[in-house]
Amino acid sequence: MKPSIPLYDPTHAPTTIQLSILRAPHAIPNAPLPTHALFVTSPSAPPLLLPIHAALYSTCLRADLPTPDGAPAPVLDPSNNSVTVPVVHLSVPHPPTLALLLLFALALEPSPHTDLAYRLLPSSVVEEFPNSAAMAGVLARSEGLAALVERNEGMWRNVLALGVSDGKVVEMVGMVWSVTKEARRMRERLQALVR
């Protein structure tokens, strides 16, 4: 029997990381460069390294950025179009949804908040918006409900843990989680009837 190997060793997490500076055509003009990289771990998945700007994080989230004392300052290297930033460890309830949440919570995603619903629910469900009962009814009949319950609950728990300041993001994720819970309840009732 092979010994199990942990997916990461937090004692060997990098203290800094060099990030290439890329500007996509759809990028927000004059977006600030990252000042830190979040090192987010999960027992069931590889670690995530997510670049962020500390001031933006502090403005948009109520949770403190866990920056250790003596962390190095970001270093810009124009010769190879990169920036070296300190890495900070962040624990959240559901790491797989953190990148998506940060896109919207830090206003890095230029699309409207309603696009967040399309990333969390099937389009057939979102098309019933704003009728949450109809949304839950469609979702209750959808494939993959269990995975959606896990993901959307995780996203909601991350919103609460990080203290997202944008009320529209909080409202949208809360609505998605409410619809998802109701769909799960509806499916459980239907399954109980056919037993």
N, C-alpha and C. Protein backbone atom coordinates (compact mmCIF):
# COMPACT_ATOMS: atom_id res chain seq x y z
N MET A 1 0.84 -1.18 0.00
CA MET A 1 0.00 0.00 0.00
C MET A 1 0.88 1.24 0.00
N LYS A 2 0.60 2.17 -0.88
CA LYS A 2 1.36 3.40 -0.95
C LYS A 2 0.89 4.36 0.13
N PRO A 3 1.83 5.09 0.73
CA PRO A 3 1.40 6.09 1.71
C PRO A 3 0.70 7.24 1.00
N SER A 4 -0.27 7.83 1.69
CA SER A 4 -0.96 8.96 1.07
C SER A 4 -0.05 10.18 1.12
N ILE A 5 -0.10 10.94 0.07
CA ILE A 5 0.74 12.13 -0.04
C ILE A 5 -0.18 13.34 0.02
N PRO A 6 0.08 14.27 0.94
CA PRO A 6 -0.78 15.45 1.01
C PRO A 6 -0.65 16.27 -0.27
N LEU A 7 -1.74 16.94 -0.64
CA LEU A 7 -1.74 17.75 -1.85
C LEU A 7 -0.90 19.01 -1.70
N TYR A 8 -0.64 19.43 -0.47
CA TYR A 8 0.20 20.60 -0.25
C TYR A 8 0.80 20.48 1.14
N ASP A 9 1.84 21.19 1.33
CA ASP A 9 2.47 21.29 2.64
C ASP A 9 2.56 22.76 2.96
N PRO A 10 1.68 23.27 3.85
CA PRO A 10 1.67 24.71 4.10
C PRO A 10 2.99 25.23 4.66
N THR A 11 3.81 24.35 5.22
CA THR A 11 5.11 24.82 5.72
C THR A 11 6.06 25.10 4.56
N HIS A 12 5.74 24.60 3.37
CA HIS A 12 6.59 24.83 2.20
C HIS A 12 5.91 25.72 1.16
N ALA A 13 4.91 26.45 1.57
CA ALA A 13 4.27 27.39 0.65
C ALA A 13 5.27 28.49 0.34
N PRO A 14 5.27 28.98 -0.88
CA PRO A 14 6.22 30.06 -1.22
C PRO A 14 5.91 31.32 -0.41
N THR A 15 6.94 32.11 -0.14
CA THR A 15 6.71 33.38 0.55
C THR A 15 6.46 34.49 -0.45
N THR A 16 6.95 34.32 -1.69
CA THR A 16 6.69 35.26 -2.77
C THR A 16 6.45 34.46 -4.05
N ILE A 17 5.85 35.12 -5.02
CA ILE A 17 5.65 34.51 -6.33
C ILE A 17 5.77 35.59 -7.39
N GLN A 18 6.41 35.23 -8.51
CA GLN A 18 6.55 36.15 -9.62
C GLN A 18 5.38 35.94 -10.58
N LEU A 19 4.66 37.01 -10.86
CA LEU A 19 3.50 36.96 -11.75
C LEU A 19 3.78 37.74 -13.02
N SER A 20 3.47 37.14 -14.16
CA SER A 20 3.59 37.85 -15.43
C SER A 20 2.46 38.86 -15.53
N ILE A 21 2.74 39.99 -16.09
CA ILE A 21 1.74 41.04 -16.27
C ILE A 21 1.18 40.91 -17.68
N LEU A 22 -0.08 40.55 -17.76
CA LEU A 22 -0.76 40.40 -19.04
C LEU A 22 -1.94 41.35 -19.07
N ARG A 23 -2.19 41.95 -20.18
CA ARG A 23 -3.35 42.82 -20.33
C ARG A 23 -4.23 42.24 -21.43
N ALA A 24 -5.35 41.70 -21.02
CA ALA A 24 -6.30 41.12 -21.96
C ALA A 24 -7.09 42.26 -22.62
N PRO A 25 -7.58 42.03 -23.83
CA PRO A 25 -8.34 43.09 -24.52
C PRO A 25 -9.58 43.53 -23.74
N HIS A 26 -10.18 42.64 -22.97
CA HIS A 26 -11.39 42.97 -22.22
C HIS A 26 -11.10 43.43 -20.79
N ALA A 27 -9.81 43.59 -20.46
CA ALA A 27 -9.44 43.97 -19.09
C ALA A 27 -9.94 45.36 -18.75
N ILE A 28 -10.12 45.56 -17.45
CA ILE A 28 -10.53 46.87 -16.96
C ILE A 28 -9.36 47.83 -17.16
N PRO A 29 -9.59 48.97 -17.84
CA PRO A 29 -8.50 49.93 -18.07
C PRO A 29 -7.92 50.41 -16.74
N ASN A 30 -6.63 50.55 -16.68
CA ASN A 30 -5.91 51.05 -15.51
C ASN A 30 -6.16 50.22 -14.25
N ALA A 31 -6.46 48.94 -14.43
CA ALA A 31 -6.63 48.07 -13.26
C ALA A 31 -5.31 48.00 -12.50
N PRO A 32 -5.37 48.04 -11.18
CA PRO A 32 -4.12 48.02 -10.41
C PRO A 32 -3.44 46.65 -10.51
N LEU A 33 -2.13 46.67 -10.43
CA LEU A 33 -1.38 45.41 -10.43
C LEU A 33 -1.58 44.70 -9.10
N PRO A 34 -1.43 43.40 -9.08
CA PRO A 34 -1.55 42.67 -7.80
C PRO A 34 -0.48 43.12 -6.81
N THR A 35 -0.86 43.10 -5.55
CA THR A 35 0.11 43.39 -4.48
C THR A 35 0.39 42.15 -3.64
N HIS A 36 -0.48 41.14 -3.76
CA HIS A 36 -0.35 39.91 -2.99
C HIS A 36 -0.91 38.75 -3.81
N ALA A 37 -0.56 37.55 -3.40
CA ALA A 37 -1.19 36.35 -3.95
C ALA A 37 -1.76 35.57 -2.78
N LEU A 38 -3.04 35.23 -2.88
CA LEU A 38 -3.67 34.42 -1.85
C LEU A 38 -3.31 32.96 -2.10
N PHE A 39 -2.85 32.29 -1.07
CA PHE A 39 -2.56 30.85 -1.12
C PHE A 39 -3.71 30.18 -0.38
N VAL A 40 -4.61 29.56 -1.14
CA VAL A 40 -5.84 29.00 -0.58
C VAL A 40 -5.76 27.49 -0.68
N THR A 41 -5.91 26.83 0.46
CA THR A 41 -5.75 25.38 0.48
C THR A 41 -7.06 24.68 0.78
N SER A 42 -7.11 23.43 0.34
CA SER A 42 -8.26 22.58 0.56
C SER A 42 -7.73 21.16 0.71
N PRO A 43 -8.31 20.37 1.62
CA PRO A 43 -7.83 19.00 1.78
C PRO A 43 -8.11 18.13 0.55
N SER A 44 -9.02 18.56 -0.32
CA SER A 44 -9.42 17.70 -1.44
C SER A 44 -9.01 18.23 -2.82
N ALA A 45 -8.23 19.30 -2.87
CA ALA A 45 -7.86 19.86 -4.16
C ALA A 45 -6.48 20.51 -4.06
N PRO A 46 -5.84 20.70 -5.20
CA PRO A 46 -4.55 21.42 -5.17
C PRO A 46 -4.75 22.84 -4.66
N PRO A 47 -3.71 23.43 -4.11
CA PRO A 47 -3.85 24.81 -3.63
C PRO A 47 -4.09 25.78 -4.78
N LEU A 48 -4.75 26.87 -4.45
CA LEU A 48 -4.98 27.95 -5.42
C LEU A 48 -4.05 29.11 -5.09
N LEU A 49 -3.52 29.74 -6.10
CA LEU A 49 -2.79 30.99 -5.93
C LEU A 49 -3.56 32.05 -6.71
N LEU A 50 -4.15 32.99 -5.99
CA LEU A 50 -5.02 34.00 -6.61
C LEU A 50 -4.43 35.39 -6.39
N PRO A 51 -4.05 36.09 -7.47
CA PRO A 51 -3.50 37.44 -7.31
C PRO A 51 -4.59 38.43 -6.92
N ILE A 52 -4.26 39.33 -6.00
CA ILE A 52 -5.20 40.36 -5.56
C ILE A 52 -4.45 41.66 -5.31
N HIS A 53 -5.19 42.75 -5.23
CA HIS A 53 -4.65 44.04 -4.81
C HIS A 53 -5.16 44.28 -3.39
N ALA A 54 -4.25 44.48 -2.45
CA ALA A 54 -4.61 44.58 -1.03
C ALA A 54 -5.62 45.69 -0.75
N ALA A 55 -5.45 46.84 -1.37
CA ALA A 55 -6.38 47.95 -1.10
C ALA A 55 -7.78 47.62 -1.62
N LEU A 56 -7.85 46.98 -2.76
CA LEU A 56 -9.14 46.57 -3.32
C LEU A 56 -9.79 45.52 -2.42
N TYR A 57 -9.00 44.57 -1.96
CA TYR A 57 -9.48 43.54 -1.04
C TYR A 57 -10.06 44.19 0.22
N SER A 58 -9.31 45.12 0.80
CA SER A 58 -9.74 45.77 2.04
C SER A 58 -10.98 46.63 1.86
N THR A 59 -11.14 47.21 0.67
CA THR A 59 -12.30 48.04 0.37
C THR A 59 -13.55 47.20 0.15
N CYS A 60 -13.39 46.06 -0.49
CA CYS A 60 -14.54 45.27 -0.93
C CYS A 60 -14.91 44.13 0.01
N LEU A 61 -14.03 43.77 0.92
CA LEU A 61 -14.28 42.67 1.85
C LEU A 61 -14.01 43.15 3.27
N ARG A 62 -14.84 42.71 4.19
CA ARG A 62 -14.67 43.14 5.59
C ARG A 62 -13.65 42.28 6.33
N ALA A 63 -13.37 41.08 5.83
CA ALA A 63 -12.39 40.20 6.47
C ALA A 63 -10.99 40.76 6.27
N ASP A 64 -10.18 40.68 7.30
CA ASP A 64 -8.81 41.18 7.21
C ASP A 64 -7.98 40.30 6.29
N LEU A 65 -7.08 40.92 5.56
CA LEU A 65 -6.11 40.19 4.75
C LEU A 65 -5.00 39.75 5.70
N PRO A 66 -4.81 38.44 5.83
CA PRO A 66 -3.86 37.95 6.84
C PRO A 66 -2.40 38.12 6.41
N THR A 67 -1.93 39.36 6.36
CA THR A 67 -0.56 39.64 5.94
C THR A 67 0.38 39.49 7.13
N PRO A 68 1.37 38.60 7.02
CA PRO A 68 2.30 38.43 8.14
C PRO A 68 3.22 39.65 8.29
N ASP A 69 3.65 39.89 9.52
CA ASP A 69 4.61 40.97 9.76
C ASP A 69 5.89 40.69 8.97
N GLY A 70 6.45 41.74 8.41
CA GLY A 70 7.69 41.61 7.66
C GLY A 70 7.53 41.04 6.26
N ALA A 71 6.29 40.97 5.78
CA ALA A 71 6.08 40.48 4.41
C ALA A 71 6.72 41.46 3.43
N PRO A 72 7.39 40.94 2.40
CA PRO A 72 8.05 41.85 1.46
C PRO A 72 7.04 42.67 0.65
N ALA A 73 7.48 43.82 0.21
CA ALA A 73 6.64 44.67 -0.64
C ALA A 73 6.69 44.12 -2.07
N PRO A 74 5.64 44.38 -2.86
CA PRO A 74 5.67 43.95 -4.26
C PRO A 74 6.84 44.61 -5.01
N VAL A 75 7.43 43.85 -5.92
CA VAL A 75 8.56 44.36 -6.70
C VAL A 75 8.22 44.24 -8.18
N LEU A 76 8.14 45.37 -8.85
CA LEU A 76 7.85 45.42 -10.28
C LEU A 76 9.15 45.25 -11.06
N ASP A 77 9.15 44.38 -12.06
CA ASP A 77 10.31 44.17 -12.92
C ASP A 77 9.90 44.42 -14.37
N PRO A 78 10.04 45.67 -14.84
CA PRO A 78 9.63 45.99 -16.21
C PRO A 78 10.42 45.24 -17.28
N SER A 79 11.64 44.79 -16.94
CA SER A 79 12.46 44.12 -17.95
C SER A 79 11.85 42.82 -18.43
N ASN A 80 11.12 42.13 -17.55
CA ASN A 80 10.46 40.89 -18.01
C ASN A 80 8.94 40.96 -17.81
N ASN A 81 8.43 42.18 -17.64
CA ASN A 81 6.98 42.41 -17.53
C ASN A 81 6.35 41.54 -16.44
N SER A 82 6.90 41.66 -15.22
CA SER A 82 6.38 40.85 -14.12
C SER A 82 6.39 41.65 -12.83
N VAL A 83 5.70 41.10 -11.85
CA VAL A 83 5.70 41.66 -10.50
C VAL A 83 5.84 40.49 -9.53
N THR A 84 6.69 40.66 -8.53
CA THR A 84 6.87 39.65 -7.49
C THR A 84 6.12 40.14 -6.26
N VAL A 85 5.20 39.30 -5.78
CA VAL A 85 4.32 39.70 -4.67
C VAL A 85 4.43 38.69 -3.52
N PRO A 86 4.16 39.16 -2.30
CA PRO A 86 4.15 38.23 -1.17
C PRO A 86 2.93 37.30 -1.25
N VAL A 87 3.10 36.11 -0.74
CA VAL A 87 2.03 35.12 -0.70
C VAL A 87 1.47 35.08 0.71
N VAL A 88 0.14 35.19 0.83
CA VAL A 88 -0.50 35.10 2.14
C VAL A 88 -1.49 33.93 2.14
N HIS A 89 -1.49 33.19 3.22
CA HIS A 89 -2.39 32.04 3.35
C HIS A 89 -3.77 32.53 3.77
N LEU A 90 -4.79 32.05 3.09
CA LEU A 90 -6.17 32.42 3.41
C LEU A 90 -7.00 31.16 3.52
N SER A 91 -7.76 31.05 4.58
CA SER A 91 -8.68 29.93 4.74
C SER A 91 -10.09 30.43 4.51
N VAL A 92 -10.83 29.71 3.68
CA VAL A 92 -12.22 30.03 3.41
C VAL A 92 -13.01 28.73 3.50
N PRO A 93 -14.32 28.82 3.72
CA PRO A 93 -15.13 27.60 3.83
C PRO A 93 -15.14 26.74 2.56
N HIS A 94 -15.07 27.37 1.38
CA HIS A 94 -15.19 26.62 0.13
C HIS A 94 -14.22 27.16 -0.92
N PRO A 95 -12.98 26.70 -0.91
CA PRO A 95 -11.98 27.21 -1.85
C PRO A 95 -12.36 27.14 -3.33
N PRO A 96 -13.06 26.11 -3.80
CA PRO A 96 -13.34 26.06 -5.25
C PRO A 96 -14.15 27.24 -5.80
N THR A 97 -14.91 27.93 -4.97
CA THR A 97 -15.71 29.05 -5.48
C THR A 97 -15.07 30.41 -5.21
N LEU A 98 -13.91 30.43 -4.59
CA LEU A 98 -13.31 31.71 -4.20
C LEU A 98 -12.93 32.57 -5.40
N ALA A 99 -12.33 31.99 -6.43
CA ALA A 99 -11.91 32.80 -7.58
C ALA A 99 -13.10 33.50 -8.22
N LEU A 100 -14.20 32.77 -8.41
CA LEU A 100 -15.40 33.38 -9.00
C LEU A 100 -15.95 34.47 -8.09
N LEU A 101 -16.00 34.21 -6.80
CA LEU A 101 -16.50 35.22 -5.87
C LEU A 101 -15.65 36.48 -5.93
N LEU A 102 -14.33 36.33 -5.93
CA LEU A 102 -13.46 37.51 -5.96
C LEU A 102 -13.64 38.32 -7.24
N LEU A 103 -13.87 37.65 -8.37
CA LEU A 103 -14.10 38.38 -9.62
C LEU A 103 -15.24 39.38 -9.48
N PHE A 104 -16.32 38.95 -8.83
CA PHE A 104 -17.48 39.82 -8.70
C PHE A 104 -17.39 40.72 -7.46
N ALA A 105 -16.92 40.18 -6.34
CA ALA A 105 -16.86 40.97 -5.11
C ALA A 105 -15.86 42.12 -5.21
N LEU A 106 -14.76 41.91 -5.96
CA LEU A 106 -13.76 42.96 -6.12
C LEU A 106 -14.01 43.79 -7.38
N ALA A 107 -15.16 43.57 -8.01
CA ALA A 107 -15.58 44.30 -9.22
C ALA A 107 -14.55 44.17 -10.34
N LEU A 108 -13.94 42.99 -10.46
CA LEU A 108 -13.00 42.73 -11.54
C LEU A 108 -13.70 42.20 -12.78
N GLU A 109 -14.89 41.71 -12.60
CA GLU A 109 -15.70 41.21 -13.72
C GLU A 109 -16.57 42.36 -14.19
N PRO A 110 -16.36 42.83 -15.43
CA PRO A 110 -17.11 43.99 -15.90
C PRO A 110 -18.58 43.71 -16.23
N SER A 111 -18.97 42.46 -16.26
CA SER A 111 -20.36 42.15 -16.60
C SER A 111 -21.28 42.41 -15.41
N PRO A 112 -22.57 42.56 -15.67
CA PRO A 112 -23.52 42.86 -14.58
C PRO A 112 -23.60 41.73 -13.55
N HIS A 113 -24.10 42.08 -12.38
CA HIS A 113 -24.22 41.11 -11.30
C HIS A 113 -25.09 39.92 -11.69
N THR A 114 -26.04 40.14 -12.59
CA THR A 114 -26.90 39.03 -13.00
C THR A 114 -26.11 37.93 -13.69
N ASP A 115 -24.97 38.28 -14.28
CA ASP A 115 -24.13 37.25 -14.90
C ASP A 115 -23.61 36.26 -13.87
N LEU A 116 -23.50 36.70 -12.62
CA LEU A 116 -23.07 35.78 -11.57
C LEU A 116 -24.08 34.64 -11.43
N ALA A 117 -25.35 34.93 -11.53
CA ALA A 117 -26.37 33.88 -11.43
C ALA A 117 -26.19 32.85 -12.54
N TYR A 118 -25.85 33.30 -13.75
CA TYR A 118 -25.63 32.36 -14.87
C TYR A 118 -24.40 31.48 -14.64
N ARG A 119 -23.50 31.91 -13.80
CA ARG A 119 -22.31 31.10 -13.51
C ARG A 119 -22.56 30.12 -12.38
N LEU A 120 -23.66 30.32 -11.64
CA LEU A 120 -23.97 29.45 -10.51
C LEU A 120 -25.15 28.52 -10.77
N LEU A 121 -25.98 28.85 -11.73
CA LEU A 121 -27.19 28.07 -12.02
C LEU A 121 -27.30 27.81 -13.51
N PRO A 122 -27.98 26.73 -13.90
CA PRO A 122 -28.24 26.52 -15.33
C PRO A 122 -29.05 27.68 -15.90
N SER A 123 -28.84 27.98 -17.17
CA SER A 123 -29.54 29.11 -17.79
C SER A 123 -31.05 28.92 -17.77
N SER A 124 -31.51 27.67 -17.86
CA SER A 124 -32.96 27.42 -17.82
C SER A 124 -33.56 27.86 -16.49
N VAL A 125 -32.78 27.82 -15.44
CA VAL A 125 -33.24 28.26 -14.12
C VAL A 125 -33.24 29.79 -14.05
N VAL A 126 -32.17 30.41 -14.50
CA VAL A 126 -32.05 31.87 -14.43
C VAL A 126 -33.10 32.55 -15.30
N GLU A 127 -33.51 31.89 -16.38
CA GLU A 127 -34.52 32.47 -17.26
C GLU A 127 -35.86 32.69 -16.54
N GLU A 128 -36.07 32.02 -15.43
CA GLU A 128 -37.30 32.19 -14.65
C GLU A 128 -37.23 33.36 -13.67
N PHE A 129 -36.06 34.01 -13.58
CA PHE A 129 -35.87 35.14 -12.67
C PHE A 129 -36.88 36.24 -13.01
N PRO A 130 -37.50 36.87 -12.05
CA PRO A 130 -37.28 36.88 -10.61
C PRO A 130 -38.19 35.94 -9.82
N ASN A 131 -38.91 35.04 -10.48
CA ASN A 131 -39.82 34.13 -9.80
C ASN A 131 -39.03 32.99 -9.15
N SER A 132 -38.68 33.16 -7.89
CA SER A 132 -37.81 32.18 -7.23
C SER A 132 -38.47 30.81 -7.09
N ALA A 133 -39.80 30.76 -6.95
CA ALA A 133 -40.48 29.46 -6.87
C ALA A 133 -40.35 28.70 -8.20
N ALA A 134 -40.52 29.43 -9.30
CA ALA A 134 -40.36 28.80 -10.61
C ALA A 134 -38.90 28.39 -10.83
N MET A 135 -37.98 29.23 -10.39
CA MET A 135 -36.56 28.90 -10.51
C MET A 135 -36.25 27.60 -9.77
N ALA A 136 -36.75 27.48 -8.53
CA ALA A 136 -36.50 26.27 -7.74
C ALA A 136 -37.14 25.06 -8.39
N GLY A 137 -38.34 25.23 -8.97
CA GLY A 137 -39.02 24.12 -9.63
C GLY A 137 -38.22 23.59 -10.81
N VAL A 138 -37.67 24.48 -11.61
CA VAL A 138 -36.85 24.05 -12.75
C VAL A 138 -35.57 23.40 -12.25
N LEU A 139 -34.94 23.98 -11.24
CA LEU A 139 -33.70 23.43 -10.71
C LEU A 139 -33.91 22.07 -10.07
N ALA A 140 -35.05 21.86 -9.42
CA ALA A 140 -35.33 20.57 -8.78
C ALA A 140 -35.35 19.44 -9.80
N ARG A 141 -35.66 19.75 -11.06
CA ARG A 141 -35.71 18.73 -12.12
C ARG A 141 -34.40 18.65 -12.90
N SER A 142 -33.41 19.44 -12.52
CA SER A 142 -32.14 19.51 -13.26
C SER A 142 -31.18 18.42 -12.82
N GLU A 143 -30.34 18.02 -13.77
CA GLU A 143 -29.26 17.09 -13.47
C GLU A 143 -28.20 17.81 -12.64
N GLY A 144 -27.51 17.06 -11.81
CA GLY A 144 -26.39 17.62 -11.05
C GLY A 144 -26.78 18.51 -9.90
N LEU A 145 -27.98 18.32 -9.36
CA LEU A 145 -28.44 19.19 -8.27
C LEU A 145 -27.53 19.07 -7.04
N ALA A 146 -27.10 17.88 -6.71
CA ALA A 146 -26.26 17.70 -5.51
C ALA A 146 -24.98 18.53 -5.61
N ALA A 147 -24.35 18.54 -6.79
CA ALA A 147 -23.13 19.32 -6.97
C ALA A 147 -23.42 20.82 -6.87
N LEU A 148 -24.57 21.24 -7.41
CA LEU A 148 -24.95 22.66 -7.32
C LEU A 148 -25.22 23.06 -5.88
N VAL A 149 -25.85 22.17 -5.11
CA VAL A 149 -26.10 22.46 -3.70
C VAL A 149 -24.77 22.69 -2.98
N GLU A 150 -23.82 21.79 -3.19
CA GLU A 150 -22.52 21.91 -2.54
C GLU A 150 -21.81 23.21 -2.94
N ARG A 151 -21.79 23.49 -4.25
CA ARG A 151 -21.10 24.68 -4.74
C ARG A 151 -21.78 25.96 -4.26
N ASN A 152 -23.09 26.05 -4.39
CA ASN A 152 -23.78 27.29 -4.04
C ASN A 152 -23.80 27.54 -2.54
N GLU A 153 -23.88 26.47 -1.76
CA GLU A 153 -23.75 26.66 -0.31
C GLU A 153 -22.34 27.14 0.03
N GLY A 154 -21.34 26.55 -0.64
CA GLY A 154 -19.95 26.98 -0.41
C GLY A 154 -19.74 28.43 -0.78
N MET A 155 -20.32 28.85 -1.90
CA MET A 155 -20.20 30.25 -2.32
C MET A 155 -20.84 31.16 -1.27
N TRP A 156 -22.03 30.79 -0.78
CA TRP A 156 -22.72 31.61 0.23
C TRP A 156 -21.90 31.67 1.52
N ARG A 157 -21.33 30.56 1.91
CA ARG A 157 -20.50 30.54 3.13
C ARG A 157 -19.27 31.42 2.96
N ASN A 158 -18.70 31.44 1.76
CA ASN A 158 -17.56 32.33 1.49
C ASN A 158 -17.97 33.80 1.57
N VAL A 159 -19.16 34.12 1.02
CA VAL A 159 -19.66 35.50 1.09
C VAL A 159 -19.75 35.94 2.55
N LEU A 160 -20.30 35.08 3.39
CA LEU A 160 -20.45 35.42 4.81
C LEU A 160 -19.10 35.50 5.51
N ALA A 161 -18.21 34.56 5.23
CA ALA A 161 -16.91 34.52 5.91
C ALA A 161 -16.04 35.72 5.55
N LEU A 162 -16.10 36.16 4.30
CA LEU A 162 -15.25 37.26 3.86
C LEU A 162 -15.90 38.62 4.05
N GLY A 163 -17.20 38.65 4.32
CA GLY A 163 -17.89 39.92 4.53
C GLY A 163 -17.91 40.77 3.27
N VAL A 164 -18.44 40.23 2.20
CA VAL A 164 -18.51 40.96 0.92
C VAL A 164 -19.31 42.25 1.13
N SER A 165 -18.74 43.36 0.69
CA SER A 165 -19.36 44.67 0.88
C SER A 165 -20.41 45.01 -0.17
N ASP A 166 -20.25 44.50 -1.38
CA ASP A 166 -21.16 44.82 -2.48
C ASP A 166 -22.51 44.14 -2.24
N GLY A 167 -23.51 44.95 -1.89
CA GLY A 167 -24.83 44.42 -1.57
C GLY A 167 -25.46 43.65 -2.70
N LYS A 168 -25.17 44.03 -3.95
CA LYS A 168 -25.76 43.32 -5.09
C LYS A 168 -25.18 41.92 -5.22
N VAL A 169 -23.89 41.76 -4.93
CA VAL A 169 -23.27 40.42 -4.96
C VAL A 169 -23.85 39.58 -3.83
N VAL A 170 -23.95 40.17 -2.64
CA VAL A 170 -24.51 39.44 -1.49
C VAL A 170 -25.95 39.02 -1.79
N GLU A 171 -26.73 39.94 -2.33
CA GLU A 171 -28.13 39.65 -2.65
C GLU A 171 -28.23 38.54 -3.71
N MET A 172 -27.41 38.60 -4.74
CA MET A 172 -27.48 37.61 -5.82
C MET A 172 -27.07 36.23 -5.33
N VAL A 173 -25.98 36.15 -4.60
CA VAL A 173 -25.53 34.84 -4.09
C VAL A 173 -26.54 34.31 -3.08
N GLY A 174 -27.10 35.19 -2.24
CA GLY A 174 -28.13 34.77 -1.30
C GLY A 174 -29.36 34.24 -1.99
N MET A 175 -29.78 34.89 -3.07
CA MET A 175 -30.93 34.43 -3.83
C MET A 175 -30.63 33.07 -4.47
N VAL A 176 -29.45 32.94 -5.05
CA VAL A 176 -29.06 31.67 -5.68
C VAL A 176 -29.07 30.56 -4.65
N TRP A 177 -28.53 30.83 -3.46
CA TRP A 177 -28.49 29.79 -2.42
C TRP A 177 -29.91 29.46 -1.95
N SER A 178 -30.76 30.44 -1.80
CA SER A 178 -32.15 30.19 -1.39
C SER A 178 -32.89 29.33 -2.42
N VAL A 179 -32.72 29.65 -3.69
CA VAL A 179 -33.34 28.87 -4.76
C VAL A 179 -32.80 27.44 -4.75
N THR A 180 -31.50 27.31 -4.56
CA THR A 180 -30.87 25.99 -4.55
C THR A 180 -31.38 25.15 -3.37
N LYS A 181 -31.48 25.75 -2.19
CA LYS A 181 -32.01 25.03 -1.02
C LYS A 181 -33.45 24.58 -1.26
N GLU A 182 -34.25 25.48 -1.82
CA GLU A 182 -35.65 25.14 -2.09
C GLU A 182 -35.74 24.03 -3.13
N ALA A 183 -34.90 24.05 -4.14
CA ALA A 183 -34.90 22.99 -5.15
C ALA A 183 -34.53 21.64 -4.51
N ARG A 184 -33.57 21.66 -3.61
CA ARG A 184 -33.19 20.42 -2.91
C ARG A 184 -34.37 19.91 -2.09
N ARG A 185 -35.05 20.81 -1.38
CA ARG A 185 -36.20 20.42 -0.57
C ARG A 185 -37.31 19.85 -1.46
N MET A 186 -37.57 20.50 -2.60
CA MET A 186 -38.61 20.02 -3.53
C MET A 186 -38.27 18.62 -4.05
N ARG A 187 -37.02 18.41 -4.41
CA ARG A 187 -36.62 17.10 -4.92
C ARG A 187 -36.76 16.04 -3.82
N GLU A 188 -36.37 16.37 -2.61
CA GLU A 188 -36.50 15.41 -1.50
C GLU A 188 -37.96 15.03 -1.27
N ARG A 189 -38.85 16.03 -1.37
CA ARG A 189 -40.29 15.74 -1.21
C ARG A 189 -40.81 14.85 -2.33
N LEU A 190 -40.39 15.12 -3.55
CA LEU A 190 -40.79 14.29 -4.70
C LEU A 190 -40.27 12.86 -4.56
N GLN A 191 -39.04 12.73 -4.12
CA GLN A 191 -38.46 11.38 -3.95
C GLN A 191 -39.17 10.64 -2.84
N ALA A 192 -39.59 11.34 -1.79
CA ALA A 192 -40.31 10.68 -0.69
C ALA A 192 -41.69 10.19 -1.17
N LEU A 193 -42.30 10.90 -2.10
CA LEU A 193 -43.61 10.50 -2.61
C LEU A 193 -43.56 9.24 -3.48
N VAL A 194 -42.47 9.07 -4.18
CA VAL A 194 -42.38 7.91 -5.09
C VAL A 194 -41.84 6.67 -4.39
N ARG A 195 -41.44 6.76 -3.16
CA ARG A 195 -40.93 5.58 -2.43
C ARG A 195 -42.05 4.72 -1.92
